[in-house]
Amino acid sequence: MNDWPDRRTGDRSERYGRGSDSARPESARAMPHIQRRPTPPQRPQAPPQRPQVPQVPQVPQQGQGYDDRYQDGGYANSPDPGYDSGYNTGQVYGSGGGGSDGRGGGGRRGGGDGGYVQGRPAPDWRRRIKLGALTLVVVVLAVSISTYFWADSKLKREVDLSKVIERPESGDGTNYLIVGSDSREGMSAEEKKRLRTGSAEGKRTDSMMILHDGSNGPTLISLPRDSNVEIPSFVGSESGKKFQGTGRQVKLNAAYAEDGPELLVRTVEFNTGLHIDHYVEIGFGGFAKIVDAIGGVELDIPKGFKDKKSGADFQAGKQTLNGEQSLAFVRTRYALPGSDLDRTKNQQKFLAALASQTATPGTIINPFKLYPTMGAGLDTLIVDKDMSLWALGNMFFAMKGVTGGDGTSMNMPISGSVGGNLVWDKAKVKQLVEQLNNDEKVTVKGN
């Protein structure tokens, strides 16, 4: 029998290390104890502390953690430094991406030192600019659309040109018949007295002009109200009854007094052969309000004059006319050497200056000037049923261009007078109309 149990208390040399001739199996021998390596030195002193920032809980790494007791798979303060627990020395927590100071976990937002900062994200200025631009566009569109409908609702489309019969064919460009009437509609007794308009009932034409807007520049042609014309056959604007022409010769303004804008258009077309596309009329009160709304019109008056009937009292030189003075300036004729012909020249000059000084950025982009100006004008304008705001705007800017660039202003050519009425030069009128219909540069000279 094996005597292995009986020799357990013997000395170490006899119990272990027998040769290969021993009867005991080689595997039963106890292996000598292997001394573990000394405890590693303490870790280096931590780097200087950074400013305090919010941090997530620190995760221990290999060689650190839990009061520094665990080092390289053992416990530094263990009674038996050589004790091997069999602990896996691989890193357990975190991704191993910590900084050089040993801290694990996520890095500082936007930095690389291993810390973590919960801060407000940087503003996206590109996105803010896009949103701001989009908001501005929407606001501008909303204001523009609302302004358009507001202004469109102000227009008085009272003239029906479809009632005008036997009309000439249309030519190139657009022809406007612009009428200044002596209507006192909407004026108070105080305004009538201040503006020296009198209190006559109804309304008559005080000025008439044809504005041609074409590719060769605008042309403004004044039609003296004392022009001798023939009243043709026409259909009554109210009655619908047809009146045959008898060859009556009258002053041009009599056509308006007899049957209003429709007969006036019919008479102008019959005596000129020029097709009228649009009709625009403004009264005394509206004219003065427009001037006051833009703060007056600056005008250079070459020679001073006075007129008791219109209330005009002007010195020579540059001056700014208010609404009352402007109305007196365009109505005066008795104090002028050429009477009605000189008056039409003053009217052309003033209307061109009014349009030029109104169609400016200072008026268009300034709502405190734009809306009062539009309100004053649109409230008193009477136009044809087919007039759009676009067509009205084109007329306004064409009027502005009369005195600049390729613009032309003139009176209807006159050959003489009969019975106190001014007779048109038929040959020149025919040539003028041909040039307008063909949208050619006007070479005909008026009076």
Protein backbone atom coordinates (compact mmCIF):
# COMPACT_ATOMS: atom_id res chain seq x y z
CA MET A 1 0.00 0.00 0.00
CA ASN A 2 0.93 3.59 -0.53
CA ASP A 3 2.37 5.28 2.58
CA TRP A 4 1.63 8.90 1.34
CA PRO A 5 -0.75 9.79 4.19
CA ASP A 6 1.67 8.65 6.86
CA ARG A 7 4.37 11.14 5.77
CA ARG A 8 2.36 14.39 5.54
CA THR A 9 4.04 15.74 8.68
CA GLY A 10 7.55 15.11 7.50
CA ASP A 11 9.92 17.87 6.49
CA ARG A 12 9.51 19.67 3.24
CA SER A 13 12.57 18.15 1.59
CA GLU A 14 11.37 14.62 2.15
CA ARG A 15 7.80 15.30 1.12
CA TYR A 16 8.58 17.17 -2.09
CA GLY A 17 11.06 16.84 -4.89
CA ARG A 18 11.38 13.05 -5.13
CA GLY A 19 13.01 11.75 -8.24
CA SER A 20 11.27 10.09 -11.06
CA ASP A 21 11.83 6.77 -9.39
CA SER A 22 9.25 7.62 -6.69
CA ALA A 23 6.07 5.62 -6.61
CA ARG A 24 4.01 8.83 -6.29
CA PRO A 25 2.57 10.36 -9.46
CA GLU A 26 4.47 13.42 -10.82
CA SER A 27 1.28 15.43 -10.99
CA ALA A 28 0.67 15.14 -7.27
CA ARG A 29 3.67 17.15 -6.37
CA ALA A 30 3.13 20.71 -5.06
CA MET A 31 4.58 23.38 -7.29
CA PRO A 32 6.89 25.96 -5.67
CA HIS A 33 5.27 29.34 -4.87
CA ILE A 34 6.07 32.06 -7.42
CA GLN A 35 6.69 35.48 -5.94
CA ARG A 36 4.62 38.23 -7.66
CA ARG A 37 6.28 41.42 -8.80
CA PRO A 38 6.54 44.33 -6.38
CA THR A 39 3.70 46.80 -6.03
CA PRO A 40 3.94 49.49 -8.78
CA PRO A 41 4.88 52.97 -7.68
CA GLN A 42 2.19 55.53 -7.00
CA ARG A 43 0.71 57.36 -10.00
CA PRO A 44 2.07 60.82 -10.91
CA GLN A 45 0.57 63.86 -9.30
CA ALA A 46 -2.61 65.02 -11.07
CA PRO A 47 -2.23 68.00 -13.43
CA PRO A 48 -3.43 71.45 -12.32
CA GLN A 49 -7.16 71.60 -11.95
CA ARG A 50 -9.16 73.25 -14.71
CA PRO A 51 -12.02 75.65 -14.04
CA GLN A 52 -14.94 73.90 -12.46
CA VAL A 53 -17.34 72.54 -15.08
CA PRO A 54 -20.22 70.12 -14.77
CA GLN A 55 -18.87 66.59 -15.15
CA VAL A 56 -20.31 63.15 -15.40
CA PRO A 57 -19.22 60.58 -12.82
CA GLN A 58 -15.65 59.42 -13.45
CA VAL A 59 -15.07 55.86 -14.53
CA PRO A 60 -12.00 54.01 -13.25
CA GLN A 61 -9.41 52.85 -15.75
CA GLN A 62 -6.77 50.23 -15.60
CA GLY A 63 -4.41 50.90 -12.70
CA GLN A 64 -6.85 53.31 -10.96
CA GLY A 65 -10.15 53.50 -9.13
CA TYR A 66 -11.92 52.70 -5.94
CA ASP A 67 -9.54 54.48 -3.55
CA ASP A 68 -6.55 53.29 -5.60
CA ARG A 69 -6.75 49.95 -3.86
CA TYR A 70 -6.88 47.93 -7.00
CA GLN A 71 -3.64 47.91 -8.97
CA ASP A 72 -2.72 45.50 -11.72
CA GLY A 73 -5.09 42.80 -10.62
CA GLY A 74 -4.26 42.94 -6.90
CA TYR A 75 -4.83 45.15 -3.86
CA ALA A 76 -2.01 47.48 -2.94
CA ASN A 77 -2.75 47.32 0.77
CA SER A 78 -3.47 43.65 0.97
CA PRO A 79 -1.63 41.74 3.70
CA ASP A 80 -0.37 39.43 0.98
CA PRO A 81 0.81 41.55 -1.95
CA GLY A 82 1.35 38.45 -3.92
CA TYR A 83 -2.24 37.38 -3.74
CA ASP A 84 -3.63 36.75 -7.23
CA SER A 85 -7.36 37.16 -7.43
CA GLY A 86 -7.51 36.24 -11.07
CA TYR A 87 -9.19 39.63 -11.87
CA ASN A 88 -9.10 40.56 -15.52
CA THR A 89 -6.94 43.64 -15.87
CA GLY A 90 -8.78 44.87 -18.99
CA GLN A 91 -10.73 48.10 -18.74
CA VAL A 92 -14.31 47.44 -17.71
CA TYR A 93 -16.08 50.79 -18.12
CA GLY A 94 -15.99 53.47 -20.80
CA SER A 95 -14.63 53.43 -24.31
CA GLY A 96 -10.98 53.91 -23.40
CA GLY A 97 -10.99 57.32 -25.02
CA GLY A 98 -10.26 59.34 -21.87
CA GLY A 99 -7.69 62.09 -21.76
CA SER A 100 -4.18 61.90 -20.40
CA ASP A 101 -5.36 62.80 -16.92
CA GLY A 102 -7.15 59.49 -16.63
CA ARG A 103 -10.73 60.69 -16.80
CA GLY A 104 -13.01 58.53 -18.89
CA GLY A 105 -16.38 59.07 -20.47
CA GLY A 106 -17.42 61.52 -23.17
CA GLY A 107 -15.31 64.52 -24.10
CA ARG A 108 -16.06 68.19 -23.58
CA ARG A 109 -18.51 69.38 -26.21
CA GLY A 110 -16.33 71.00 -28.80
CA GLY A 111 -13.06 70.13 -26.90
CA GLY A 112 -10.73 67.19 -26.48
CA ASP A 113 -9.76 67.16 -22.79
CA GLY A 114 -12.28 64.53 -21.77
CA GLY A 115 -14.67 66.83 -19.89
CA TYR A 116 -18.33 67.33 -20.76
CA VAL A 117 -20.10 70.66 -20.92
CA GLN A 118 -23.82 71.11 -21.28
CA GLY A 119 -24.07 74.56 -22.95
CA ARG A 120 -26.38 76.43 -25.34
CA PRO A 121 -25.65 75.45 -28.97
CA ALA A 122 -24.12 78.09 -31.25
CA PRO A 123 -26.77 80.07 -33.22
CA ASP A 124 -27.29 79.05 -36.85
CA TRP A 125 -26.96 82.49 -38.48
CA ARG A 126 -27.45 81.18 -42.00
CA ARG A 127 -30.81 79.73 -41.03
CA ARG A 128 -31.79 82.92 -39.20
CA ILE A 129 -30.92 85.07 -42.24
CA LYS A 130 -32.98 82.83 -44.51
CA LEU A 131 -35.96 82.99 -42.17
CA GLY A 132 -35.61 86.78 -41.89
CA ALA A 133 -35.47 87.21 -45.66
CA LEU A 134 -38.48 84.96 -46.13
CA THR A 135 -40.44 86.88 -43.51
CA LEU A 136 -39.56 90.19 -45.19
CA VAL A 137 -40.71 88.91 -48.59
CA VAL A 138 -44.00 87.69 -47.14
CA VAL A 139 -44.61 91.03 -45.40
CA VAL A 140 -43.80 93.02 -48.55
CA LEU A 141 -46.10 90.83 -50.64
CA ALA A 142 -48.90 91.12 -48.11
CA VAL A 143 -48.58 94.92 -47.94
CA SER A 144 -48.35 95.21 -51.74
CA ILE A 145 -51.38 93.04 -52.35
CA SER A 146 -53.47 94.80 -49.72
CA THR A 147 -52.40 98.21 -51.07
CA TYR A 148 -53.33 97.16 -54.60
CA PHE A 149 -56.83 96.10 -53.63
CA TRP A 150 -57.28 99.17 -51.45
CA ALA A 151 -56.24 101.49 -54.28
CA ASP A 152 -58.27 99.56 -56.85
CA SER A 153 -61.37 99.97 -54.72
CA LYS A 154 -60.87 103.75 -54.70
CA LEU A 155 -61.11 104.15 -58.47
CA LYS A 156 -64.39 105.47 -59.81
CA ARG A 157 -64.90 103.55 -63.06
CA GLU A 158 -67.87 105.54 -64.30
CA VAL A 159 -67.10 106.14 -67.99
CA ASP A 160 -68.30 103.47 -70.43
CA LEU A 161 -66.38 103.82 -73.68
CA SER A 162 -68.37 100.94 -75.20
CA LYS A 163 -71.15 103.49 -75.72
CA VAL A 164 -68.94 105.46 -78.10
CA ILE A 165 -69.88 104.63 -81.70
CA GLU A 166 -68.03 104.65 -85.04
CA ARG A 167 -64.60 104.59 -83.45
CA PRO A 168 -61.33 104.78 -85.43
CA GLU A 169 -58.96 101.81 -85.37
CA SER A 170 -56.36 101.54 -82.63
CA GLY A 171 -52.74 102.30 -83.45
CA ASP A 172 -49.48 101.46 -81.72
CA GLY A 173 -48.99 102.73 -78.19
CA THR A 174 -51.62 103.87 -75.71
CA ASN A 175 -53.65 107.11 -75.87
CA TYR A 176 -55.11 108.71 -72.74
CA LEU A 177 -57.60 111.56 -72.76
CA ILE A 178 -56.85 113.53 -69.56
CA VAL A 179 -59.51 115.99 -68.45
CA GLY A 180 -59.42 118.58 -65.69
CA SER A 181 -62.97 119.51 -64.75
CA ASP A 182 -64.33 122.37 -62.67
CA SER A 183 -66.34 119.94 -60.57
CA ARG A 184 -66.88 121.13 -57.00
CA GLU A 185 -68.07 117.72 -55.85
CA GLY A 186 -67.08 116.97 -52.26
CA MET A 187 -65.91 120.54 -51.58
CA SER A 188 -67.19 122.49 -48.59
CA ALA A 189 -68.34 126.11 -48.84
CA GLU A 190 -65.12 127.19 -47.15
CA GLU A 191 -63.00 125.28 -49.68
CA LYS A 192 -64.90 126.76 -52.61
CA LYS A 193 -64.28 130.24 -51.25
CA ARG A 194 -60.61 129.61 -50.52
CA LEU A 195 -59.96 128.03 -53.93
CA ARG A 196 -62.08 130.66 -55.76
CA THR A 197 -64.05 128.02 -57.66
CA GLY A 198 -67.48 129.57 -57.28
CA SER A 199 -70.56 127.47 -56.62
CA ALA A 200 -71.77 126.64 -60.12
CA GLU A 201 -73.74 123.43 -60.37
CA GLY A 202 -72.63 120.57 -62.57
CA LYS A 203 -69.19 120.45 -64.13
CA ARG A 204 -67.39 121.62 -67.24
CA THR A 205 -63.99 120.84 -68.70
CA ASP A 206 -61.31 123.30 -67.75
CA SER A 207 -58.48 121.53 -69.59
CA MET A 208 -58.14 118.62 -72.03
CA MET A 209 -54.99 116.76 -73.12
CA ILE A 210 -54.06 113.68 -75.11
CA LEU A 211 -51.13 111.72 -73.69
CA HIS A 212 -49.58 109.20 -76.08
CA ASP A 213 -47.35 106.60 -74.44
CA GLY A 214 -45.21 104.75 -76.96
CA SER A 215 -41.77 103.35 -77.72
CA ASN A 216 -40.47 106.72 -78.97
CA GLY A 217 -41.19 108.53 -75.73
CA PRO A 218 -44.38 110.13 -74.41
CA THR A 219 -46.13 112.96 -76.23
CA LEU A 220 -48.50 115.35 -74.46
CA ILE A 221 -50.86 117.35 -76.68
CA SER A 222 -53.09 120.05 -75.22
CA LEU A 223 -56.54 120.59 -76.74
CA PRO A 224 -57.62 124.20 -76.12
CA ARG A 225 -61.13 124.22 -74.76
CA ASP A 226 -62.00 126.99 -77.25
CA SER A 227 -61.11 124.71 -80.19
CA ASN A 228 -63.67 124.79 -82.99
CA VAL A 229 -64.99 121.25 -83.55
CA GLU A 230 -67.94 119.44 -85.10
CA ILE A 231 -70.36 117.45 -82.97
CA PRO A 232 -70.88 114.10 -84.77
CA SER A 233 -73.74 111.65 -84.44
CA PHE A 234 -73.66 109.86 -81.09
CA VAL A 235 -75.60 107.66 -78.68
CA GLY A 236 -76.74 109.32 -75.47
CA SER A 237 -74.81 108.03 -72.46
CA GLU A 238 -77.94 107.98 -70.30
CA SER A 239 -80.83 107.64 -72.73
CA GLY A 240 -79.20 105.21 -75.17
CA LYS A 241 -80.88 107.17 -77.97
CA LYS A 242 -78.91 107.90 -81.13
CA PHE A 243 -78.57 111.52 -82.17
CA GLN A 244 -77.71 112.21 -85.78
CA GLY A 245 -74.96 114.67 -86.51
CA THR A 246 -76.00 117.95 -88.12
CA GLY A 247 -72.58 119.47 -88.67
CA ARG A 248 -72.85 121.77 -85.67
CA GLN A 249 -69.68 123.71 -84.93
CA VAL A 250 -69.08 124.35 -81.24
CA LYS A 251 -66.27 124.83 -78.75
CA LEU A 252 -64.73 121.57 -77.64
CA ASN A 253 -65.77 121.93 -74.02
CA ALA A 254 -69.42 122.16 -75.13
CA ALA A 255 -69.37 118.46 -76.03
CA TYR A 256 -68.61 117.56 -72.43
CA ALA A 257 -71.31 119.92 -71.15
CA GLU A 258 -73.86 118.40 -73.52
CA ASP A 259 -73.49 114.68 -72.75
CA GLY A 260 -70.46 114.11 -70.57
CA PRO A 261 -67.26 112.09 -71.07
CA GLU A 262 -68.65 109.69 -73.69
CA LEU A 263 -69.61 112.48 -76.10
CA LEU A 264 -66.31 114.27 -75.46
CA VAL A 265 -64.39 111.11 -76.44
CA ARG A 266 -66.60 110.65 -79.49
CA THR A 267 -65.99 114.28 -80.57
CA VAL A 268 -62.20 114.08 -80.11
CA GLU A 269 -61.98 110.83 -82.06
CA PHE A 270 -64.20 112.16 -84.87
CA ASN A 271 -62.23 115.40 -85.30
CA THR A 272 -58.74 113.87 -84.98
CA GLY A 273 -59.06 110.27 -86.23
CA LEU A 274 -57.11 109.12 -83.16
CA HIS A 275 -58.39 106.20 -81.08
CA ILE A 276 -58.68 106.98 -77.35
CA ASP A 277 -57.83 103.97 -75.16
CA HIS A 278 -58.46 105.40 -71.69
CA TYR A 279 -60.22 108.33 -70.05
CA VAL A 280 -59.04 110.06 -66.86
CA GLU A 281 -60.73 113.01 -65.14
CA ILE A 282 -59.93 114.96 -61.97
CA GLY A 283 -61.77 117.82 -60.31
CA PHE A 284 -60.63 121.00 -58.58
CA GLY A 285 -60.70 119.62 -55.06
CA GLY A 286 -58.74 116.45 -55.86
CA PHE A 287 -56.09 118.40 -57.74
CA ALA A 288 -55.39 120.69 -54.78
CA LYS A 289 -55.35 117.78 -52.30
CA ILE A 290 -52.75 115.86 -54.29
CA VAL A 291 -50.41 118.86 -54.30
CA ASP A 292 -50.81 119.38 -50.56
CA ALA A 293 -50.29 115.66 -49.88
CA ILE A 294 -46.79 115.71 -51.40
CA GLY A 295 -45.87 118.95 -49.67
CA GLY A 296 -46.22 121.26 -52.67
CA VAL A 297 -44.73 121.45 -56.16
CA GLU A 298 -41.57 123.37 -56.96
CA LEU A 299 -41.92 125.42 -60.15
CA ASP A 300 -39.83 127.95 -62.00
CA ILE A 301 -42.07 130.79 -63.21
CA PRO A 302 -40.23 132.86 -65.85
CA LYS A 303 -42.51 135.89 -65.56
CA GLY A 304 -44.76 136.95 -62.71
CA PHE A 305 -48.50 137.55 -63.19
CA LYS A 306 -51.71 138.28 -61.29
CA ASP A 307 -55.30 137.28 -61.96
CA LYS A 308 -58.22 138.29 -59.76
CA LYS A 309 -60.56 135.63 -61.13
CA SER A 310 -58.29 132.68 -60.39
CA GLY A 311 -56.55 134.29 -57.41
CA ALA A 312 -53.11 133.98 -59.02
CA ASP A 313 -50.37 136.25 -57.66
CA PHE A 314 -46.91 135.01 -58.61
CA GLN A 315 -43.46 136.51 -58.71
CA ALA A 316 -40.86 135.37 -61.23
CA GLY A 317 -38.39 132.67 -60.14
CA LYS A 318 -38.36 129.28 -58.42
CA GLN A 319 -41.01 128.73 -55.76
CA THR A 320 -43.02 125.96 -54.13
CA LEU A 321 -46.75 126.11 -54.80
CA ASN A 322 -49.30 124.66 -52.41
CA GLY A 323 -52.67 123.26 -53.51
CA GLU A 324 -54.46 126.61 -53.63
CA GLN A 325 -51.66 128.32 -55.57
CA SER A 326 -51.32 125.39 -57.97
CA LEU A 327 -54.99 125.49 -58.87
CA ALA A 328 -54.75 129.24 -59.51
CA PHE A 329 -51.68 128.72 -61.70
CA VAL A 330 -53.31 126.15 -64.04
CA ARG A 331 -56.62 128.04 -64.29
CA THR A 332 -55.28 131.50 -65.15
CA ARG A 333 -55.76 132.64 -68.75
CA TYR A 334 -56.99 136.26 -68.73
CA ALA A 335 -53.69 137.54 -67.35
CA LEU A 336 -51.66 135.74 -70.05
CA PRO A 337 -50.86 137.25 -73.49
CA GLY A 338 -51.83 134.08 -75.38
CA SER A 339 -54.95 133.49 -73.26
CA ASP A 340 -56.03 129.85 -73.58
CA LEU A 341 -52.94 128.76 -75.55
CA ASP A 342 -50.62 130.09 -72.85
CA ARG A 343 -52.75 128.50 -70.18
CA THR A 344 -52.43 125.06 -71.79
CA LYS A 345 -48.65 125.48 -71.77
CA ASN A 346 -48.73 126.28 -68.05
CA GLN A 347 -50.91 123.23 -67.45
CA GLN A 348 -48.47 120.97 -69.28
CA LYS A 349 -45.54 122.40 -67.39
CA PHE A 350 -47.22 122.00 -64.03
CA LEU A 351 -48.49 118.44 -64.60
CA ALA A 352 -45.04 117.29 -65.70
CA ALA A 353 -43.49 118.83 -62.56
CA LEU A 354 -46.20 117.28 -60.36
CA ALA A 355 -45.60 113.81 -61.79
CA SER A 356 -41.82 114.18 -61.60
CA GLN A 357 -41.84 115.23 -57.95
CA THR A 358 -44.41 112.64 -56.92
CA ALA A 359 -42.80 109.57 -58.52
CA THR A 360 -39.75 109.65 -56.26
CA PRO A 361 -38.41 107.11 -53.74
CA GLY A 362 -39.16 109.61 -50.98
CA THR A 363 -42.87 109.35 -51.80
CA ILE A 364 -43.18 105.76 -52.99
CA ILE A 365 -41.41 104.08 -50.04
CA ASN A 366 -42.73 106.49 -47.42
CA PRO A 367 -46.21 105.32 -46.37
CA PHE A 368 -46.88 108.64 -44.61
CA LYS A 369 -46.67 110.36 -48.02
CA LEU A 370 -47.70 107.57 -50.36
CA TYR A 371 -51.08 106.74 -48.85
CA PRO A 372 -52.27 110.35 -48.41
CA THR A 373 -51.19 111.10 -51.99
CA MET A 374 -52.90 108.04 -53.42
CA GLY A 375 -55.95 108.61 -51.28
CA ALA A 376 -56.28 112.24 -52.35
CA GLY A 377 -55.92 111.41 -56.03
CA LEU A 378 -57.89 108.18 -56.24
CA ASP A 379 -60.84 109.58 -54.31
CA THR A 380 -61.46 112.21 -56.99
CA LEU A 381 -60.34 110.38 -60.15
CA ILE A 382 -62.99 109.29 -62.62
CA VAL A 383 -61.82 106.73 -65.18
CA ASP A 384 -63.21 104.40 -67.82
CA LYS A 385 -64.46 100.95 -66.90
CA ASP A 386 -61.47 99.20 -68.48
CA MET A 387 -58.85 101.25 -66.63
CA SER A 388 -56.55 99.18 -64.41
CA LEU A 389 -54.13 100.41 -61.77
CA TRP A 390 -51.31 99.20 -64.01
CA ALA A 391 -52.54 101.34 -66.92
CA LEU A 392 -53.02 104.30 -64.58
CA GLY A 393 -49.47 103.89 -63.26
CA ASN A 394 -48.10 103.77 -66.80
CA MET A 395 -49.92 107.02 -67.56
CA PHE A 396 -48.45 108.65 -64.50
CA PHE A 397 -44.86 107.68 -65.34
CA ALA A 398 -45.36 108.66 -68.98
CA MET A 399 -46.45 112.09 -67.74
CA LYS A 400 -43.26 112.27 -65.71
CA GLY A 401 -41.20 111.58 -68.83
CA VAL A 402 -42.81 114.33 -70.90
CA THR A 403 -40.20 116.93 -69.96
CA GLY A 404 -37.23 114.55 -69.93
CA GLY A 405 -35.53 112.25 -72.40
CA ASP A 406 -37.54 111.75 -75.58
CA GLY A 407 -40.70 113.35 -74.20
CA THR A 408 -42.59 115.99 -76.19
CA SER A 409 -45.23 118.52 -75.19
CA MET A 410 -47.17 120.70 -77.60
CA ASN A 411 -50.50 122.33 -78.42
CA MET A 412 -52.73 121.08 -81.17
CA PRO A 413 -51.61 122.85 -84.39
CA ILE A 414 -53.76 125.92 -85.01
CA SER A 415 -54.34 127.56 -88.41
CA GLY A 416 -56.51 130.50 -87.29
CA SER A 417 -59.82 131.32 -85.62
CA VAL A 418 -63.49 131.65 -86.49
CA GLY A 419 -66.09 133.36 -84.34
CA GLY A 420 -63.63 133.44 -81.44
CA ASN A 421 -62.96 129.71 -81.72
CA LEU A 422 -59.54 128.28 -82.54
CA VAL A 423 -59.37 126.34 -85.82
CA TRP A 424 -57.05 123.33 -86.05
CA ASP A 425 -54.62 122.96 -88.92
CA LYS A 426 -56.13 119.89 -90.61
CA ALA A 427 -53.00 118.93 -92.59
CA LYS A 428 -50.75 119.05 -89.55
CA VAL A 429 -53.33 117.27 -87.41
CA LYS A 430 -53.49 114.45 -89.95
CA GLN A 431 -49.68 114.11 -90.02
CA LEU A 432 -49.53 114.20 -86.23
CA VAL A 433 -52.12 111.43 -85.90
CA GLU A 434 -50.29 109.25 -88.42
CA GLN A 435 -47.06 109.58 -86.46
CA LEU A 436 -48.83 108.70 -83.22
CA ASN A 437 -50.65 105.70 -84.71
CA ASN A 438 -47.38 104.39 -86.12
CA ASP A 439 -45.62 105.16 -82.85
CA GLU A 440 -43.09 107.30 -84.66
CA LYS A 441 -41.08 110.23 -83.39
CA VAL A 442 -43.32 113.29 -83.50
CA THR A 443 -41.95 115.98 -85.80
CA VAL A 444 -45.07 118.12 -86.13
CA LYS A 445 -44.88 121.43 -84.29
CA GLY A 446 -47.82 122.87 -82.41
CA ASN A 447 -48.59 126.39 -81.30
